[in-house]
Amino acid sequence: MSADSIPYKLVEPTSKKVPFVLSIPHCGVEFPNELSGKFVKKQLDVLDDTDWYLDSLYDFAPSLGVTMIYAKYSRWVIDLNREPGSVPLY
């Protein structure tokens, strides 16, 4: 699996690590090329159910020793905090 296909970004702390992980599972806005054609363009422009800019809002967290993980892909592609066997939202 290439780094581009991994659906999340892990950001390691830049100072002394603290026992805290900041998870932002619904900020992703990317779609793999093989899936983007399956959506209506108007839907892709809006992307409701997205936690817009939370990754940018908390980009200071690694400087406080916090490990940060956030979604790259939209939750319409993969919902990173749902169990694989759960009922799909969409």
N, C-alpha and C. Protein backbone atom coordinates (compact mmCIF):
# COMPACT_ATOMS: atom_id res chain seq x y z
N MET A 1 0.85 -1.18 0.00
CA MET A 1 0.00 0.00 0.00
C MET A 1 0.89 1.24 0.00
N SER A 2 0.64 2.12 -0.94
CA SER A 2 1.44 3.34 -1.02
C SER A 2 0.96 4.34 0.02
N ALA A 3 1.82 5.29 0.34
CA ALA A 3 1.46 6.32 1.32
C ALA A 3 0.25 7.12 0.85
N ASP A 4 0.08 7.27 -0.47
CA ASP A 4 -1.07 8.01 -1.00
C ASP A 4 -2.38 7.29 -0.78
N SER A 5 -2.36 5.96 -0.68
CA SER A 5 -3.59 5.20 -0.53
C SER A 5 -4.00 4.99 0.92
N ILE A 6 -3.17 5.36 1.86
CA ILE A 6 -3.51 5.23 3.28
C ILE A 6 -4.56 6.29 3.61
N PRO A 7 -5.70 5.89 4.21
CA PRO A 7 -6.81 6.84 4.39
C PRO A 7 -6.67 7.80 5.56
N TYR A 8 -5.53 7.80 6.21
CA TYR A 8 -5.33 8.69 7.35
C TYR A 8 -3.92 9.25 7.34
N LYS A 9 -3.71 10.28 8.13
CA LYS A 9 -2.39 10.88 8.30
C LYS A 9 -2.06 10.83 9.79
N LEU A 10 -0.91 10.29 10.12
CA LEU A 10 -0.44 10.22 11.49
C LEU A 10 0.64 11.28 11.67
N VAL A 11 0.46 12.15 12.66
CA VAL A 11 1.42 13.21 12.93
C VAL A 11 2.01 12.95 14.32
N GLU A 12 3.29 12.68 14.34
CA GLU A 12 3.99 12.40 15.60
C GLU A 12 4.27 13.71 16.34
N PRO A 13 4.38 13.63 17.66
CA PRO A 13 4.70 14.83 18.45
C PRO A 13 6.06 15.41 18.06
N THR A 14 6.16 16.71 18.17
CA THR A 14 7.43 17.39 17.89
C THR A 14 8.12 17.83 19.18
N SER A 15 7.51 17.54 20.32
CA SER A 15 8.13 17.79 21.61
C SER A 15 7.92 16.54 22.47
N LYS A 16 8.26 16.62 23.74
CA LYS A 16 8.14 15.45 24.61
C LYS A 16 6.74 14.86 24.55
N LYS A 17 6.68 13.58 24.19
CA LYS A 17 5.41 12.89 23.97
C LYS A 17 4.61 12.78 25.27
N VAL A 18 3.30 13.08 25.17
CA VAL A 18 2.38 12.92 26.29
C VAL A 18 1.41 11.79 25.95
N PRO A 19 0.78 11.16 26.95
CA PRO A 19 -0.12 10.03 26.68
C PRO A 19 -1.51 10.49 26.22
N PHE A 20 -1.54 11.10 25.06
CA PHE A 20 -2.79 11.63 24.53
C PHE A 20 -2.75 11.50 23.01
N VAL A 21 -3.82 11.00 22.42
CA VAL A 21 -3.95 10.92 20.97
C VAL A 21 -5.16 11.74 20.56
N LEU A 22 -4.95 12.66 19.66
CA LEU A 22 -6.03 13.48 19.12
C LEU A 22 -6.48 12.84 17.81
N SER A 23 -7.71 12.37 17.78
CA SER A 23 -8.26 11.72 16.59
C SER A 23 -9.29 12.63 15.95
N ILE A 24 -9.11 12.88 14.65
CA ILE A 24 -10.06 13.70 13.90
C ILE A 24 -10.50 12.86 12.70
N PRO A 25 -11.52 12.01 12.90
CA PRO A 25 -11.86 11.03 11.88
C PRO A 25 -12.72 11.53 10.73
N HIS A 26 -13.28 12.73 10.80
CA HIS A 26 -14.22 13.17 9.77
C HIS A 26 -13.82 14.46 9.07
N CYS A 27 -12.53 14.75 9.01
CA CYS A 27 -12.09 15.98 8.35
C CYS A 27 -11.60 15.73 6.92
N GLY A 28 -11.55 14.48 6.50
CA GLY A 28 -11.03 14.17 5.16
C GLY A 28 -11.93 14.65 4.05
N VAL A 29 -11.31 15.07 2.96
CA VAL A 29 -12.07 15.55 1.80
C VAL A 29 -11.61 14.90 0.49
N GLU A 30 -10.65 14.00 0.57
CA GLU A 30 -10.13 13.37 -0.65
C GLU A 30 -10.98 12.15 -1.03
N PHE A 31 -10.93 11.83 -2.33
CA PHE A 31 -11.57 10.63 -2.86
C PHE A 31 -10.56 9.93 -3.76
N PRO A 32 -10.43 8.61 -3.61
CA PRO A 32 -9.56 7.89 -4.56
C PRO A 32 -10.10 8.06 -5.97
N ASN A 33 -9.21 8.13 -6.94
CA ASN A 33 -9.63 8.34 -8.33
C ASN A 33 -10.66 7.32 -8.78
N GLU A 34 -10.50 6.06 -8.35
CA GLU A 34 -11.42 5.01 -8.80
C GLU A 34 -12.83 5.17 -8.21
N LEU A 35 -13.00 6.01 -7.21
CA LEU A 35 -14.33 6.22 -6.62
C LEU A 35 -14.95 7.56 -6.95
N SER A 36 -14.16 8.56 -7.27
CA SER A 36 -14.70 9.91 -7.45
C SER A 36 -15.75 9.98 -8.56
N GLY A 37 -15.64 9.14 -9.57
CA GLY A 37 -16.62 9.14 -10.66
C GLY A 37 -17.96 8.55 -10.27
N LYS A 38 -18.05 7.95 -9.11
CA LYS A 38 -19.30 7.34 -8.65
C LYS A 38 -20.18 8.32 -7.88
N PHE A 39 -19.70 9.54 -7.71
CA PHE A 39 -20.44 10.56 -6.97
C PHE A 39 -20.83 11.69 -7.91
N VAL A 40 -21.93 12.35 -7.61
CA VAL A 40 -22.36 13.52 -8.36
C VAL A 40 -21.44 14.67 -7.99
N LYS A 41 -20.93 15.38 -8.98
CA LYS A 41 -19.97 16.47 -8.75
C LYS A 41 -20.48 17.46 -7.71
N LYS A 42 -21.76 17.79 -7.76
CA LYS A 42 -22.34 18.74 -6.81
C LYS A 42 -22.18 18.23 -5.37
N GLN A 43 -22.33 16.91 -5.17
CA GLN A 43 -22.14 16.33 -3.84
C GLN A 43 -20.70 16.51 -3.37
N LEU A 44 -19.76 16.30 -4.26
CA LEU A 44 -18.35 16.40 -3.90
C LEU A 44 -17.94 17.83 -3.56
N ASP A 45 -18.64 18.81 -4.11
CA ASP A 45 -18.34 20.20 -3.81
C ASP A 45 -18.82 20.61 -2.42
N VAL A 46 -19.84 19.94 -1.90
CA VAL A 46 -20.43 20.31 -0.61
C VAL A 46 -19.85 19.48 0.52
N LEU A 47 -19.81 18.16 0.37
CA LEU A 47 -19.29 17.23 1.38
C LEU A 47 -19.84 17.51 2.78
N ASP A 48 -21.18 17.47 2.88
CA ASP A 48 -21.72 17.59 4.23
C ASP A 48 -21.24 16.39 5.05
N ASP A 49 -21.38 16.44 6.32
CA ASP A 49 -20.84 15.42 7.23
C ASP A 49 -19.33 15.49 7.34
N THR A 50 -18.74 16.61 6.96
CA THR A 50 -17.30 16.80 7.07
C THR A 50 -17.01 17.78 8.20
N ASP A 51 -16.04 17.46 9.02
CA ASP A 51 -15.60 18.38 10.07
C ASP A 51 -14.50 19.27 9.47
N TRP A 52 -14.95 20.30 8.80
CA TRP A 52 -14.06 21.15 8.03
C TRP A 52 -12.98 21.80 8.89
N TYR A 53 -11.74 21.69 8.43
CA TYR A 53 -10.57 22.40 8.95
C TYR A 53 -10.16 22.05 10.38
N LEU A 54 -10.72 21.00 10.97
CA LEU A 54 -10.30 20.64 12.33
C LEU A 54 -8.84 20.24 12.37
N ASP A 55 -8.35 19.61 11.31
CA ASP A 55 -6.92 19.25 11.27
C ASP A 55 -6.05 20.51 11.30
N SER A 56 -6.48 21.57 10.64
CA SER A 56 -5.74 22.83 10.66
C SER A 56 -5.91 23.56 12.00
N LEU A 57 -7.11 23.49 12.55
CA LEU A 57 -7.39 24.15 13.82
C LEU A 57 -6.51 23.59 14.95
N TYR A 58 -6.26 22.29 14.90
CA TYR A 58 -5.48 21.65 15.95
C TYR A 58 -4.07 21.29 15.50
N ASP A 59 -3.56 21.92 14.47
CA ASP A 59 -2.22 21.58 13.97
C ASP A 59 -1.11 21.92 14.97
N PHE A 60 -1.44 22.66 16.02
CA PHE A 60 -0.45 22.96 17.06
C PHE A 60 -0.25 21.79 18.03
N ALA A 61 -1.18 20.82 18.05
CA ALA A 61 -1.16 19.75 19.05
C ALA A 61 0.17 18.98 19.10
N PRO A 62 0.79 18.63 17.96
CA PRO A 62 2.07 17.92 18.05
C PRO A 62 3.16 18.71 18.80
N SER A 63 3.09 20.03 18.76
CA SER A 63 4.08 20.84 19.48
C SER A 63 3.89 20.74 21.00
N LEU A 64 2.73 20.23 21.43
CA LEU A 64 2.46 20.02 22.86
C LEU A 64 2.71 18.57 23.27
N GLY A 65 3.25 17.78 22.36
CA GLY A 65 3.54 16.39 22.66
C GLY A 65 2.43 15.41 22.31
N VAL A 66 1.41 15.90 21.66
CA VAL A 66 0.24 15.09 21.32
C VAL A 66 0.45 14.40 19.97
N THR A 67 0.11 13.11 19.91
CA THR A 67 0.06 12.40 18.64
C THR A 67 -1.28 12.70 18.01
N MET A 68 -1.28 13.01 16.72
CA MET A 68 -2.52 13.37 16.03
C MET A 68 -2.74 12.42 14.86
N ILE A 69 -3.96 11.96 14.71
CA ILE A 69 -4.33 11.15 13.56
C ILE A 69 -5.60 11.75 12.96
N TYR A 70 -5.57 11.95 11.65
CA TYR A 70 -6.76 12.50 11.02
C TYR A 70 -6.99 11.87 9.65
N ALA A 71 -8.23 11.92 9.24
CA ALA A 71 -8.64 11.30 7.98
C ALA A 71 -8.17 12.12 6.79
N LYS A 72 -7.75 11.43 5.74
CA LYS A 72 -7.47 12.08 4.46
C LYS A 72 -8.68 11.93 3.53
N TYR A 73 -9.29 10.75 3.55
CA TYR A 73 -10.45 10.49 2.69
C TYR A 73 -11.74 10.90 3.38
N SER A 74 -12.70 11.29 2.59
CA SER A 74 -14.02 11.63 3.11
C SER A 74 -14.62 10.42 3.82
N ARG A 75 -15.45 10.68 4.80
CA ARG A 75 -16.13 9.57 5.48
C ARG A 75 -17.11 8.87 4.56
N TRP A 76 -17.39 9.44 3.38
CA TRP A 76 -18.20 8.75 2.39
C TRP A 76 -17.41 7.59 1.78
N VAL A 77 -16.10 7.63 1.89
CA VAL A 77 -15.24 6.55 1.40
C VAL A 77 -14.98 5.55 2.51
N ILE A 78 -14.52 6.04 3.64
CA ILE A 78 -14.24 5.20 4.80
C ILE A 78 -14.48 6.01 6.06
N ASP A 79 -15.22 5.42 6.99
CA ASP A 79 -15.49 6.09 8.26
C ASP A 79 -14.56 5.47 9.29
N LEU A 80 -13.52 6.17 9.65
CA LEU A 80 -12.43 5.61 10.43
C LEU A 80 -12.79 5.24 11.86
N ASN A 81 -13.91 5.70 12.37
CA ASN A 81 -14.25 5.33 13.74
C ASN A 81 -15.50 4.45 13.82
N ARG A 82 -15.81 3.76 12.74
CA ARG A 82 -16.92 2.80 12.75
C ARG A 82 -16.37 1.39 12.66
N GLU A 83 -17.01 0.49 13.36
CA GLU A 83 -16.61 -0.90 13.29
C GLU A 83 -16.94 -1.46 11.91
N PRO A 84 -16.09 -2.34 11.38
CA PRO A 84 -16.34 -2.90 10.04
C PRO A 84 -17.71 -3.57 9.89
N GLY A 85 -18.23 -4.16 10.94
CA GLY A 85 -19.51 -4.86 10.85
C GLY A 85 -20.72 -3.99 11.12
N SER A 86 -20.53 -2.70 11.38
CA SER A 86 -21.67 -1.84 11.70
C SER A 86 -22.47 -1.51 10.43
N VAL A 87 -23.69 -1.06 10.65
CA VAL A 87 -24.58 -0.71 9.54
C VAL A 87 -24.04 0.57 8.87
N PRO A 88 -23.90 0.57 7.54
CA PRO A 88 -23.41 1.78 6.85
C PRO A 88 -24.36 2.97 7.05
N LEU A 89 -23.78 4.16 7.15
CA LEU A 89 -24.58 5.38 7.27
C LEU A 89 -25.15 5.82 5.93
N TYR A 90 -24.47 5.46 4.84
CA TYR A 90 -24.87 5.97 3.52
C TYR A 90 -25.20 4.84 2.58
